[in-house]
């Protein structure tokens, strides 16, 4: 057994000055990809992930609203007024809403690397 080392707190000399940390770039090491990145704006890794997730959710909701709003407006307005909407337009609006299910995997693939890799593996194995 070797000598046991203890943590000790030493007093600073009176001449020592304490300065606040500046907003200098930080070096971050990620173990998954073994890459070194520099953060210049002071954001942490978690904040960056949260911003990216919030952007993806915002795009998902925006696409959902754009796809389904024509259908819901026509279905809610047509009983209230004496509007005669042609059946072809009702069908187009319905299929526009259904197309939202097509767009969701594309959005997930664009913003999430796990989905992106899964889709690549799926299509590579199909060949």
Protein backbone atom coordinates (compact mmCIF):
# COMPACT_ATOMS: atom_id res chain seq x y z
CA UNK A 1 0.00 0.00 0.00
CA UNK A 2 1.29 3.40 -0.87
CA UNK A 3 0.98 6.61 1.02
CA UNK A 4 -2.54 7.97 1.06
CA UNK A 5 -3.01 11.35 -0.52
CA UNK A 6 -5.47 13.80 0.98
CA UNK A 7 -7.21 16.76 -0.60
CA UNK A 8 -6.20 19.98 1.01
CA UNK A 9 -7.30 23.56 0.62
CA UNK A 10 -4.46 26.04 0.56
CA UNK A 11 -4.88 29.74 1.15
CA UNK A 12 -4.04 32.03 -1.77
CA UNK A 13 -1.30 34.57 -1.29
CA UNK A 14 -2.57 38.09 -0.80
CA UNK A 15 -1.11 39.21 -4.12
CA UNK A 16 -3.23 36.72 -6.13
CA UNK A 17 -5.98 38.20 -8.25
CA UNK A 18 -9.16 36.44 -9.24
CA UNK A 19 -10.49 37.24 -12.71
CA UNK A 20 -13.85 36.33 -14.22
CA UNK A 21 -13.79 33.81 -17.02
CA UNK A 22 -14.13 35.43 -20.42
CA UNK A 23 -16.35 34.08 -23.18
CA UNK A 24 -13.47 32.37 -24.93
CA UNK A 25 -14.08 29.34 -27.13
CA UNK A 26 -14.34 26.08 -25.24
CA UNK A 27 -12.97 22.81 -26.50
CA UNK A 28 -15.51 19.99 -26.29
CA UNK A 29 -14.69 16.32 -26.82
CA UNK A 30 -17.51 14.00 -27.82
CA UNK A 31 -16.82 10.34 -27.16
CA UNK A 32 -19.12 8.95 -29.86
CA UNK A 33 -17.40 10.43 -32.83
CA UNK A 34 -14.09 11.38 -31.20
CA UNK A 35 -14.33 14.86 -32.67
CA UNK A 36 -13.22 18.14 -31.18
CA UNK A 37 -15.47 21.12 -31.70
CA UNK A 38 -15.22 24.69 -30.56
CA UNK A 39 -18.11 26.56 -29.05
CA UNK A 40 -17.68 30.28 -29.44
CA UNK A 41 -21.01 31.60 -28.22
CA UNK A 42 -20.93 29.94 -24.82
CA UNK A 43 -23.76 27.49 -25.53
CA UNK A 44 -23.46 24.10 -23.95
CA UNK A 45 -23.89 20.85 -25.82
CA UNK A 46 -27.31 20.35 -24.21
CA UNK A 47 -28.50 23.82 -25.28
CA UNK A 48 -27.46 23.10 -28.86
CA UNK A 49 -29.35 19.78 -28.84
CA UNK A 50 -32.44 21.46 -27.36
CA UNK A 51 -32.40 24.16 -30.03
CA UNK A 52 -32.10 21.58 -32.79
CA UNK A 53 -34.95 19.52 -31.28
CA UNK A 54 -37.13 22.63 -30.92
CA UNK A 55 -36.47 23.52 -34.57
CA UNK A 56 -37.46 20.01 -35.68
CA UNK A 57 -40.67 20.07 -33.62
CA UNK A 58 -41.50 23.52 -34.99
CA UNK A 59 -41.06 22.30 -38.55
CA UNK A 60 -43.14 19.17 -37.84
CA UNK A 61 -45.99 21.25 -36.42
CA UNK A 62 -45.73 23.79 -39.24
CA UNK A 63 -45.93 21.11 -41.92
CA UNK A 64 -48.83 19.45 -40.09
CA UNK A 65 -50.76 22.73 -39.99
CA UNK A 66 -50.03 23.55 -43.64
CA UNK A 67 -51.14 20.10 -44.76
CA UNK A 68 -54.32 19.83 -42.71
CA UNK A 69 -55.61 23.43 -42.46
CA UNK A 70 -57.24 23.51 -45.94
CA UNK A 71 -59.19 20.33 -45.16
CA UNK A 72 -60.38 21.51 -41.74
CA UNK A 73 -61.33 24.96 -42.99
CA UNK A 74 -63.43 23.57 -45.84
CA UNK A 75 -65.07 20.97 -43.59
CA UNK A 76 -65.92 23.54 -40.91
CA UNK A 77 -67.04 26.34 -43.23
CA UNK A 78 -69.13 24.35 -45.72
CA UNK A 79 -71.92 23.43 -43.23
CA UNK A 80 -72.06 27.00 -41.89
CA UNK A 81 -72.45 28.75 -45.22
CA UNK A 82 -74.21 27.73 -48.37
CA UNK A 83 -70.88 27.23 -50.13
CA UNK A 84 -70.74 24.45 -52.64
CA UNK A 85 -67.17 23.22 -52.72
CA UNK A 86 -66.51 20.86 -55.63
CA UNK A 87 -65.78 17.28 -54.56
CA UNK A 88 -62.46 17.36 -56.39
CA UNK A 89 -61.22 20.16 -54.08
CA UNK A 90 -62.40 18.29 -51.01
CA UNK A 91 -60.49 15.26 -52.24
CA UNK A 92 -57.36 17.34 -52.93
CA UNK A 93 -57.50 18.88 -49.45
CA UNK A 94 -57.98 15.46 -47.87
CA UNK A 95 -55.02 13.98 -49.74
CA UNK A 96 -52.93 17.03 -48.85
CA UNK A 97 -53.63 16.17 -45.22
CA UNK A 98 -52.72 12.53 -45.82
CA UNK A 99 -49.47 13.69 -47.44
CA UNK A 100 -48.37 14.88 -43.99
CA UNK A 101 -47.65 11.23 -43.19
CA UNK A 102 -45.26 11.20 -46.15
CA UNK A 103 -43.45 14.33 -45.01
CA UNK A 104 -42.85 13.25 -41.39
CA UNK A 105 -40.18 10.61 -42.13
CA UNK A 106 -38.43 13.04 -44.47
CA UNK A 107 -38.31 15.69 -41.73
CA UNK A 108 -37.07 13.21 -39.14
CA UNK A 109 -34.41 11.98 -41.57
CA UNK A 110 -33.23 15.51 -42.28
CA UNK A 111 -32.87 16.48 -38.61
CA UNK A 112 -32.00 13.25 -36.80
CA UNK A 113 -28.83 11.33 -37.63
CA UNK A 114 -30.19 8.11 -36.13
CA UNK A 115 -33.18 8.15 -38.51
CA UNK A 116 -30.90 9.15 -41.36
CA UNK A 117 -28.60 6.18 -40.73
CA UNK A 118 -31.56 3.83 -40.34
CA UNK A 119 -33.05 4.89 -43.69
CA UNK A 120 -29.67 4.57 -45.39
CA UNK A 121 -29.24 1.07 -43.99
CA UNK A 122 -32.78 0.14 -45.05
CA UNK A 123 -32.26 1.21 -48.64
CA UNK A 124 -28.73 -0.20 -48.89
CA UNK A 125 -29.94 -3.62 -47.69
CA UNK A 126 -32.81 -3.55 -50.20
CA UNK A 127 -30.38 -3.47 -53.15
